[in-house]
Amino acid sequence: MTETTTNAAEWPRPYWKPSDEQGVLLFFVFGAFPEDLAIPAARYGSPGLPEGVELQRFQNAVLSRWEGYPLSGALGELLREDNAEAFKEAKAAPHVVAIRGRFPDRDRLDYLRDTLGVVAALTDIGGKAVVDPQILTLFDAAAWREHYLVPGGAPPRHHVLILCSPEETKGRSWIRTRGMRKFGRPDISLTNVPDREIDRAGALAERFVELGALGAHFDPAQPIEVDGVAGGLTVELSGDEEDPRFNNTHAAMRWPD
């Protein structure tokens, strides 16, 4: 991605073709914020929130009664285990700023750049912790900056979570992603991966993330060539945002036996 700490630069998608996909953004910033928010997003190359994004400031105690509160339930327990100190700080914060947006598929990712600039600016004016529920991650302010405000721009991989878990079949694993909804693309699911091929499958998933972020689409009719995999991998697109494994559609591929 392009530098986010200077003047706004375009985030083009060279492989983009029109589709009916939608990009979805969701962040929660915990901290102590003034009632009249003046967000200095311009210092991060953002002109402010793009059209289609809403920002709401809540009392933390009020939002905690909401069914989708990110610090409760299974997600909350996962975030507590992931970063206990930041979780404690988020729980103690008086306010939460929720940022949500949904966008038609576009030929550039300026909407993501501009939204990240606003999140960065919120950490300048009282934000102490940021929850990115699409990648099941809770950051303290410094860690969020380190993750996203990378010199030269954070790569697509930083916007997505890549997970690996064992399957019931001994010696086989499941590689999958979360977060591709930010780009309006399906997440990746690689099943039946031999344990000796985990690193290669992980690198393949990362490559798919990069291509999707840059606008590419899967063609289910076209096998994907992979060195050493006879016949390549075939893709089946399925799922929807109600699927708790991805909260997104996904491109399913099965490593041959």
C-alpha atoms as a PDB file:
ATOM      1  CA  MET A   1       0.000   0.000   0.000  1.00  0.00           C
ATOM      2  CA  THR A   2       1.023   3.632  -0.316  1.00  0.00           C
ATOM      3  CA  GLU A   3       2.479   5.921   2.333  1.00  0.00           C
ATOM      4  CA  THR A   4      -0.188   7.074   4.813  1.00  0.00           C
ATOM      5  CA  THR A   5       1.762   9.636   6.838  1.00  0.00           C
ATOM      6  CA  THR A   6       2.149  12.379   4.199  1.00  0.00           C
ATOM      7  CA  ASN A   7      -0.068  13.829   1.469  1.00  0.00           C
ATOM      8  CA  ALA A   8      -2.864  11.581   0.239  1.00  0.00           C
ATOM      9  CA  ALA A   9      -1.707   9.265  -2.532  1.00  0.00           C
ATOM     10  CA  GLU A  10      -3.860   6.990  -4.637  1.00  0.00           C
ATOM     11  CA  TRP A  11      -4.128   3.317  -3.730  1.00  0.00           C
ATOM     12  CA  PRO A  12      -4.779   1.827  -7.195  1.00  0.00           C
ATOM     13  CA  ARG A  13      -5.943  -1.708  -7.974  1.00  0.00           C
ATOM     14  CA  PRO A  14      -4.252  -2.653 -11.259  1.00  0.00           C
ATOM     15  CA  TYR A  15      -6.121  -5.992 -11.594  1.00  0.00           C
ATOM     16  CA  TRP A  16      -9.576  -4.562 -10.897  1.00  0.00           C
ATOM     17  CA  LYS A  17     -12.609  -5.402 -13.018  1.00  0.00           C
ATOM     18  CA  PRO A  18     -16.200  -4.358 -12.219  1.00  0.00           C
ATOM     19  CA  SER A  19     -18.156  -6.681  -9.925  1.00  0.00           C
ATOM     20  CA  ASP A  20     -21.101  -6.661  -7.529  1.00  0.00           C
ATOM     21  CA  GLU A  21     -18.834  -7.273  -4.512  1.00  0.00           C
ATOM     22  CA  GLN A  22     -18.820  -4.869  -1.567  1.00  0.00           C
ATOM     23  CA  GLY A  23     -15.976  -3.766   0.694  1.00  0.00           C
ATOM     24  CA  VAL A  24     -16.747  -3.648   4.425  1.00  0.00           C
ATOM     25  CA  LEU A  25     -14.808  -1.767   7.116  1.00  0.00           C
ATOM     26  CA  LEU A  26     -15.319  -1.999  10.885  1.00  0.00           C
ATOM     27  CA  PHE A  27     -13.127  -0.617  13.678  1.00  0.00           C
ATOM     28  CA  PHE A  28     -13.660   0.227  17.352  1.00  0.00           C
ATOM     29  CA  VAL A  29     -11.371   2.779  19.015  1.00  0.00           C
ATOM     30  CA  PHE A  30     -11.422   2.866  22.832  1.00  0.00           C
ATOM     31  CA  GLY A  31     -10.241   5.902  24.769  1.00  0.00           C
ATOM     32  CA  ALA A  32     -11.245   9.248  26.244  1.00  0.00           C
ATOM     33  CA  PHE A  33     -12.551  11.573  23.524  1.00  0.00           C
ATOM     34  CA  PRO A  34     -13.992  15.100  23.645  1.00  0.00           C
ATOM     35  CA  GLU A  35     -17.683  15.391  22.840  1.00  0.00           C
ATOM     36  CA  ASP A  36     -16.897  17.650  19.885  1.00  0.00           C
ATOM     37  CA  LEU A  37     -14.479  15.466  17.925  1.00  0.00           C
ATOM     38  CA  ALA A  38     -11.948  17.374  15.812  1.00  0.00           C
ATOM     39  CA  ILE A  39     -10.025  14.604  14.064  1.00  0.00           C
ATOM     40  CA  PRO A  40      -6.630  15.643  12.607  1.00  0.00           C
ATOM     41  CA  ALA A  41      -6.721  13.051   9.819  1.00  0.00           C
ATOM     42  CA  ALA A  42      -4.935  15.263   7.274  1.00  0.00           C
ATOM     43  CA  ARG A  43      -1.601  14.614   8.961  1.00  0.00           C
ATOM     44  CA  TYR A  44      -2.011  10.982   7.858  1.00  0.00           C
ATOM     45  CA  GLY A  45      -2.854  11.756   4.247  1.00  0.00           C
ATOM     46  CA  SER A  46      -6.594  11.433   4.795  1.00  0.00           C
ATOM     47  CA  PRO A  47      -9.172  14.074   3.870  1.00  0.00           C
ATOM     48  CA  GLY A  48     -11.483  12.508   6.466  1.00  0.00           C
ATOM     49  CA  LEU A  49     -14.005   9.717   6.403  1.00  0.00           C
ATOM     50  CA  PRO A  50     -15.104   8.752   2.890  1.00  0.00           C
ATOM     51  CA  GLU A  51     -18.731   8.754   1.824  1.00  0.00           C
ATOM     52  CA  GLY A  52     -20.373   5.581   3.066  1.00  0.00           C
ATOM     53  CA  VAL A  53     -18.601   5.487   6.440  1.00  0.00           C
ATOM     54  CA  GLU A  54     -20.307   6.439   9.663  1.00  0.00           C
ATOM     55  CA  LEU A  55     -18.547   7.368  12.899  1.00  0.00           C
ATOM     56  CA  GLN A  56     -20.320   7.233  16.256  1.00  0.00           C
ATOM     57  CA  ARG A  57     -19.011   8.054  19.725  1.00  0.00           C
ATOM     58  CA  PHE A  58     -20.507   5.997  22.566  1.00  0.00           C
ATOM     59  CA  GLN A  59     -20.157   5.776  26.311  1.00  0.00           C
ATOM     60  CA  ASN A  60     -18.304   2.493  26.825  1.00  0.00           C
ATOM     61  CA  ALA A  61     -20.710   1.437  29.578  1.00  0.00           C
ATOM     62  CA  VAL A  62     -23.661   1.950  27.218  1.00  0.00           C
ATOM     63  CA  LEU A  63     -22.115   0.155  24.238  1.00  0.00           C
ATOM     64  CA  SER A  64     -21.158  -2.783  26.485  1.00  0.00           C
ATOM     65  CA  ARG A  65     -24.870  -3.671  26.697  1.00  0.00           C
ATOM     66  CA  TRP A  66     -25.028  -4.058  22.905  1.00  0.00           C
ATOM     67  CA  GLU A  67     -25.150  -7.631  21.613  1.00  0.00           C
ATOM     68  CA  GLY A  68     -22.280  -6.963  19.206  1.00  0.00           C
ATOM     69  CA  TYR A  69     -19.955  -5.368  21.792  1.00  0.00           C
ATOM     70  CA  PRO A  70     -16.469  -6.515  20.726  1.00  0.00           C
ATOM     71  CA  LEU A  71     -15.098  -7.041  24.251  1.00  0.00           C
ATOM     72  CA  SER A  72     -17.770  -9.573  25.241  1.00  0.00           C
ATOM     73  CA  GLY A  73     -18.662 -13.091  24.183  1.00  0.00           C
ATOM     74  CA  ALA A  74     -16.337 -15.383  22.272  1.00  0.00           C
ATOM     75  CA  LEU A  75     -14.595 -12.505  20.504  1.00  0.00           C
ATOM     76  CA  GLY A  76     -13.994 -10.711  23.796  1.00  0.00           C
ATOM     77  CA  GLU A  77     -12.426 -13.811  25.326  1.00  0.00           C
ATOM     78  CA  LEU A  78     -10.191 -14.231  22.287  1.00  0.00           C
ATOM     79  CA  LEU A  79      -9.094 -10.576  22.470  1.00  0.00           C
ATOM     80  CA  ARG A  80      -8.392 -10.873  26.196  1.00  0.00           C
ATOM     81  CA  GLU A  81      -6.134 -13.860  25.559  1.00  0.00           C
ATOM     82  CA  ASP A  82      -4.472 -12.077  22.645  1.00  0.00           C
ATOM     83  CA  ASN A  83      -3.587  -8.865  24.518  1.00  0.00           C
ATOM     84  CA  ALA A  84      -4.588  -8.805  28.186  1.00  0.00           C
ATOM     85  CA  GLU A  85      -3.065  -5.388  28.890  1.00  0.00           C
ATOM     86  CA  ALA A  86      -4.777  -3.650  25.959  1.00  0.00           C
ATOM     87  CA  PHE A  87      -8.018  -5.445  26.838  1.00  0.00           C
ATOM     88  CA  LYS A  88      -7.877  -4.073  30.351  1.00  0.00           C
ATOM     89  CA  GLU A  89      -7.213  -0.570  29.007  1.00  0.00           C
ATOM     90  CA  ALA A  90     -10.098  -0.841  26.535  1.00  0.00           C
ATOM     91  CA  LYS A  91     -12.518  -2.018  29.209  1.00  0.00           C
ATOM     92  CA  ALA A  92     -11.542   0.905  31.451  1.00  0.00           C
ATOM     93  CA  ALA A  93     -11.856   3.538  28.696  1.00  0.00           C
ATOM     94  CA  PRO A  94     -14.826   5.898  29.101  1.00  0.00           C
ATOM     95  CA  HIS A  95     -15.638   6.091  25.366  1.00  0.00           C
ATOM     96  CA  VAL A  96     -15.731   4.013  22.200  1.00  0.00           C
ATOM     97  CA  VAL A  97     -15.692   5.370  18.661  1.00  0.00           C
ATOM     98  CA  ALA A  98     -17.244   2.930  16.200  1.00  0.00           C
ATOM     99  CA  ILE A  99     -16.359   3.302  12.519  1.00  0.00           C
ATOM    100  CA  ARG A 100     -18.336   1.314   9.961  1.00  0.00           C
ATOM    101  CA  GLY A 101     -18.625   1.457   6.215  1.00  0.00           C
ATOM    102  CA  ARG A 102     -19.784  -0.538   3.209  1.00  0.00           C
ATOM    103  CA  PHE A 103     -18.644   0.296  -0.321  1.00  0.00           C
ATOM    104  CA  PRO A 104     -19.380  -0.859  -3.858  1.00  0.00           C
ATOM    105  CA  ASP A 105     -16.368  -2.505  -5.446  1.00  0.00           C
ATOM    106  CA  ARG A 106     -13.980   0.198  -6.682  1.00  0.00           C
ATOM    107  CA  ASP A 107     -10.880   0.469  -8.829  1.00  0.00           C
ATOM    108  CA  ARG A 108      -8.878   1.993  -5.969  1.00  0.00           C
ATOM    109  CA  LEU A 109      -8.677   1.636  -2.207  1.00  0.00           C
ATOM    110  CA  ASP A 110      -8.761   5.296  -1.239  1.00  0.00           C
ATOM    111  CA  TYR A 111     -11.712   4.536   1.061  1.00  0.00           C
ATOM    112  CA  LEU A 112      -9.466   2.241   3.111  1.00  0.00           C
ATOM    113  CA  ARG A 113      -6.584   4.737   3.131  1.00  0.00           C
ATOM    114  CA  ASP A 114      -8.841   7.562   4.291  1.00  0.00           C
ATOM    115  CA  THR A 115     -10.483   5.480   7.020  1.00  0.00           C
ATOM    116  CA  LEU A 116      -7.139   4.274   8.375  1.00  0.00           C
ATOM    117  CA  GLY A 117      -6.012   7.908   8.516  1.00  0.00           C
ATOM    118  CA  VAL A 118      -8.985   8.710  10.734  1.00  0.00           C
ATOM    119  CA  VAL A 119      -8.242   5.763  13.041  1.00  0.00           C
ATOM    120  CA  ALA A 120      -4.613   6.907  13.305  1.00  0.00           C
ATOM    121  CA  ALA A 121      -5.743  10.451  14.138  1.00  0.00           C
ATOM    122  CA  LEU A 122      -8.059   9.113  16.856  1.00  0.00           C
ATOM    123  CA  THR A 123      -5.052   7.556  18.574  1.00  0.00           C
ATOM    124  CA  ASP A 124      -3.584  11.083  18.675  1.00  0.00           C
ATOM    125  CA  ILE A 125      -6.552  12.571  20.522  1.00  0.00           C
ATOM    126  CA  GLY A 126      -7.276  10.041  23.236  1.00  0.00           C
ATOM    127  CA  GLY A 127      -7.500   6.633  21.572  1.00  0.00           C
ATOM    128  CA  LYS A 128      -5.782   3.943  23.651  1.00  0.00           C
ATOM    129  CA  ALA A 129      -6.811   0.678  21.974  1.00  0.00           C
ATOM    130  CA  VAL A 130      -8.204  -0.380  18.597  1.00  0.00           C
ATOM    131  CA  VAL A 131     -10.260  -3.496  17.863  1.00  0.00           C
ATOM    132  CA  ASP A 132     -10.226  -4.786  14.302  1.00  0.00           C
ATOM    133  CA  PRO A 133     -12.890  -7.517  14.588  1.00  0.00           C
ATOM    134  CA  GLN A 134     -12.443  -8.635  10.995  1.00  0.00           C
ATOM    135  CA  ILE A 135      -8.998  -9.961  11.889  1.00  0.00           C
ATOM    136  CA  LEU A 136      -9.911 -10.860  15.505  1.00  0.00           C
ATOM    137  CA  THR A 137      -7.240  -8.507  16.845  1.00  0.00           C
ATOM    138  CA  LEU A 138      -6.953  -5.951  19.639  1.00  0.00           C
ATOM    139  CA  PHE A 139      -4.084  -3.441  19.366  1.00  0.00           C
ATOM    140  CA  ASP A 140      -2.840  -0.878  21.814  1.00  0.00           C
ATOM    141  CA  ALA A 141      -2.321   2.465  20.061  1.00  0.00           C
ATOM    142  CA  ALA A 142       1.425   1.962  19.554  1.00  0.00           C
ATOM    143  CA  ALA A 143       0.980  -1.547  18.134  1.00  0.00           C
ATOM    144  CA  TRP A 144      -1.762  -0.370  15.770  1.00  0.00           C
ATOM    145  CA  ARG A 145       0.535   2.326  14.413  1.00  0.00           C
ATOM    146  CA  GLU A 146       3.392  -0.133  14.038  1.00  0.00           C
ATOM    147  CA  HIS A 147       1.124  -2.549  12.171  1.00  0.00           C
ATOM    148  CA  TYR A 148      -0.562  -0.094   9.789  1.00  0.00           C
ATOM    149  CA  LEU A 149       1.647   3.022   9.550  1.00  0.00           C
ATOM    150  CA  VAL A 150       4.581   1.258   7.951  1.00  0.00           C
ATOM    151  CA  PRO A 151       7.108   3.396   6.003  1.00  0.00           C
ATOM    152  CA  GLY A 152       6.145   2.984   2.361  1.00  0.00           C
ATOM    153  CA  GLY A 153       2.705   1.741   3.393  1.00  0.00           C
ATOM    154  CA  ALA A 154       1.432  -1.413   5.080  1.00  0.00           C
ATOM    155  CA  PRO A 155       1.240  -4.357   2.639  1.00  0.00           C
ATOM    156  CA  PRO A 156      -2.110  -6.110   2.051  1.00  0.00           C
ATOM    157  CA  ARG A 157      -0.963  -8.957   4.341  1.00  0.00           C
ATOM    158  CA  HIS A 158      -1.161  -6.576   7.322  1.00  0.00           C
ATOM    159  CA  HIS A 159      -4.879  -6.046   6.747  1.00  0.00           C
ATOM    160  CA  VAL A 160      -5.714  -9.763   6.825  1.00  0.00           C
ATOM    161  CA  LEU A 161      -5.287 -12.627   9.310  1.00  0.00           C
ATOM    162  CA  ILE A 162      -3.889 -15.947   8.065  1.00  0.00           C
ATOM    163  CA  LEU A 163      -4.733 -18.903  10.309  1.00  0.00           C
ATOM    164  CA  CYS A 164      -3.609 -22.522  10.399  1.00  0.00           C
ATOM    165  CA  SER A 165      -5.278 -25.337  12.324  1.00  0.00           C
ATOM    166  CA  PRO A 166      -4.977 -29.149  12.249  1.00  0.00           C
ATOM    167  CA  GLU A 167      -7.660 -31.206  10.552  1.00  0.00           C
ATOM    168  CA  GLU A 168      -9.097 -34.479  11.803  1.00  0.00           C
ATOM    169  CA  THR A 169      -7.000 -36.370   9.280  1.00  0.00           C
ATOM    170  CA  LYS A 170      -3.553 -36.802  10.827  1.00  0.00           C
ATOM    171  CA  GLY A 171      -0.828 -34.842   9.069  1.00  0.00           C
ATOM    172  CA  ARG A 172      -3.253 -32.476   7.328  1.00  0.00           C
ATOM    173  CA  SER A 173      -4.020 -28.832   8.100  1.00  0.00           C
ATOM    174  CA  TRP A 174      -6.440 -26.072   7.145  1.00  0.00           C
ATOM    175  CA  ILE A 175      -5.074 -22.678   6.030  1.00  0.00           C
ATOM    176  CA  ARG A 176      -7.592 -19.841   5.920  1.00  0.00           C
ATOM    177  CA  THR A 177      -7.822 -16.063   5.995  1.00  0.00           C
ATOM    178  CA  ARG A 178     -10.035 -13.444   7.621  1.00  0.00           C
ATOM    179  CA  GLY A 179     -10.335  -9.802   6.595  1.00  0.00           C
ATOM    180  CA  MET A 180     -10.626  -9.896   2.809  1.00  0.00           C
ATOM    181  CA  ARG A 181     -14.034  -8.255   3.229  1.00  0.00           C
ATOM    182  CA  LYS A 182     -12.083  -4.993   3.554  1.00  0.00           C
ATOM    183  CA  PHE A 183     -11.209  -5.361  -0.129  1.00  0.00           C
ATOM    184  CA  GLY A 184     -14.587  -6.708  -1.247  1.00  0.00           C
ATOM    185  CA  ARG A 185     -13.078 -10.117  -2.014  1.00  0.00           C
ATOM    186  CA  PRO A 186     -13.692 -13.644  -0.705  1.00  0.00           C
ATOM    187  CA  ASP A 187     -11.464 -15.047   1.999  1.00  0.00           C
ATOM    188  CA  ILE A 188      -9.207 -18.017   1.281  1.00  0.00           C
ATOM    189  CA  SER A 189      -9.739 -21.581   2.486  1.00  0.00           C
ATOM    190  CA  LEU A 190      -7.114 -24.240   1.712  1.00  0.00           C
ATOM    191  CA  THR A 191      -8.046 -27.615   3.187  1.00  0.00           C
ATOM    192  CA  ASN A 192      -6.291 -30.997   3.311  1.00  0.00           C
ATOM    193  CA  VAL A 193      -2.869 -29.324   3.244  1.00  0.00           C
ATOM    194  CA  PRO A 194      -0.070 -31.801   4.109  1.00  0.00           C
ATOM    195  CA  ASP A 195       1.838 -30.567   7.138  1.00  0.00           C
ATOM    196  CA  ARG A 196       5.061 -30.580   5.111  1.00  0.00           C
ATOM    197  CA  GLU A 197       3.397 -28.093   2.732  1.00  0.00           C
ATOM    198  CA  ILE A 198       2.074 -25.648   5.346  1.00  0.00           C
ATOM    199  CA  ASP A 199       4.681 -22.973   4.627  1.00  0.00           C
ATOM    200  CA  ARG A 200       4.085 -23.202   0.888  1.00  0.00           C
ATOM    201  CA  ALA A 201       0.304 -23.112   1.326  1.00  0.00           C
ATOM    202  CA  GLY A 202       0.654 -20.120   3.662  1.00  0.00           C
ATOM    203  CA  ALA A 203       2.745 -18.282   1.067  1.00  0.00           C
ATOM    204  CA  LEU A 204       0.110 -19.174  -1.560  1.00  0.00           C
ATOM    205  CA  ALA A 205      -2.653 -17.769   0.653  1.00  0.00           C
ATOM    206  CA  GLU A 206      -0.616 -14.600   1.122  1.00  0.00           C
ATOM    207  CA  ARG A 207      -0.255 -14.286  -2.642  1.00  0.00           C
ATOM    208  CA  PHE A 208      -4.018 -14.663  -3.073  1.00  0.00           C
ATOM    209  CA  VAL A 209      -4.511 -11.917  -0.466  1.00  0.00           C
ATOM    210  CA  GLU A 210      -2.238  -9.576  -2.397  1.00  0.00           C
ATOM    211  CA  LEU A 211      -3.925 -10.297  -5.734  1.00  0.00           C
ATOM    212  CA  GLY A 212      -7.398  -9.829  -4.244  1.00  0.00           C
ATOM    213  CA  ALA A 213      -6.403  -6.564  -2.588  1.00  0.00           C
ATOM    214  CA  LEU A 214      -5.170  -5.347  -5.969  1.00  0.00           C
ATOM    215  CA  GLY A 215      -8.527  -6.168  -7.528  1.00  0.00           C
ATOM    216  CA  ALA A 216      -8.132  -9.682  -8.977  1.00  0.00           C
ATOM    217  CA  HIS A 217     -11.040 -12.146  -9.004  1.00  0.00           C
ATOM    218  CA  PHE A 218     -11.022 -15.938  -8.839  1.00  0.00           C
ATOM    219  CA  ASP A 219     -12.228 -17.748 -11.940  1.00  0.00           C
ATOM    220  CA  PRO A 220     -13.763 -21.052 -10.728  1.00  0.00           C
ATOM    221  CA  ALA A 221     -13.529 -22.436 -14.259  1.00  0.00           C
ATOM    222  CA  GLN A 222      -9.747 -21.989 -14.344  1.00  0.00           C
ATOM    223  CA  PRO A 223      -7.543 -24.369 -12.286  1.00  0.00           C
ATOM    224  CA  ILE A 224      -4.788 -22.623 -10.340  1.00  0.00           C
ATOM    225  CA  GLU A 225      -1.372 -23.982 -11.202  1.00  0.00           C
ATOM    226  CA  VAL A 226       0.806 -24.843  -8.202  1.00  0.00           C
ATOM    227  CA  ASP A 227       4.278 -26.349  -8.577  1.00  0.00           C
ATOM    228  CA  GLY A 228       4.237 -29.988  -7.554  1.00  0.00           C
ATOM    229  CA  VAL A 229       0.417 -30.217  -7.456  1.00  0.00           C
ATOM    230  CA  ALA A 230      -0.812 -32.324 -10.377  1.00  0.00           C
ATOM    231  CA  GLY A 231      -3.799 -30.702 -12.056  1.00  0.00           C
ATOM    232  CA  GLY A 232      -3.506 -27.604  -9.879  1.00  0.00           C
ATOM    233  CA  LEU A 233      -6.168 -26.418  -7.435  1.00  0.00           C
ATOM    234  CA  THR A 234      -9.803 -25.823  -8.300  1.00  0.00           C
ATOM    235  CA  VAL A 235     -11.801 -23.038  -6.665  1.00  0.00           C
ATOM    236  CA  GLU A 236     -15.354 -23.166  -5.348  1.00  0.00           C
ATOM    237  CA  LEU A 237     -16.881 -19.857  -4.249  1.00  0.00           C
ATOM    238  CA  SER A 238     -19.391 -20.173  -1.424  1.00  0.00           C
ATOM    239  CA  GLY A 239     -20.535 -18.808   1.936  1.00  0.00           C
ATOM    240  CA  ASP A 240     -21.758 -15.404   3.073  1.00  0.00           C
ATOM    241  CA  GLU A 241     -21.299 -12.892   5.887  1.00  0.00           C
ATOM    242  CA  GLU A 242     -23.271 -15.112   8.275  1.00  0.00           C
ATOM    243  CA  ASP A 243     -20.567 -17.800   8.135  1.00  0.00           C
ATOM    244  CA  PRO A 244     -18.811 -17.396  11.527  1.00  0.00           C
ATOM    245  CA  ARG A 245     -15.549 -18.875  10.226  1.00  0.00           C
ATOM    246  CA  PHE A 246     -15.039 -15.976   7.822  1.00  0.00           C
ATOM    247  CA  ASN A 247     -17.952 -13.522   8.179  1.00  0.00           C
ATOM    248  CA  ASN A 248     -17.540 -13.372   4.433  1.00  0.00           C
ATOM    249  CA  THR A 249     -17.755 -15.419   1.285  1.00  0.00           C
ATOM    250  CA  HIS A 250     -14.737 -17.641   0.715  1.00  0.00           C
ATOM    251  CA  ALA A 251     -12.802 -19.313  -2.078  1.00  0.00           C
ATOM    252  CA  ALA A 252     -12.488 -22.990  -1.117  1.00  0.00           C
ATOM    253  CA  MET A 253      -9.612 -25.082  -2.447  1.00  0.00           C
ATOM    254  CA  ARG A 254      -8.678 -28.631  -1.477  1.00  0.00           C
ATOM    255  CA  TRP A 255      -5.112 -29.885  -1.644  1.00  0.00           C
ATOM    256  CA  PRO A 256      -5.117 -33.243  -3.454  1.00  0.00           C
ATOM    257  CA  ASP A 257      -4.523 -36.432  -1.458  1.00  0.00           C
END
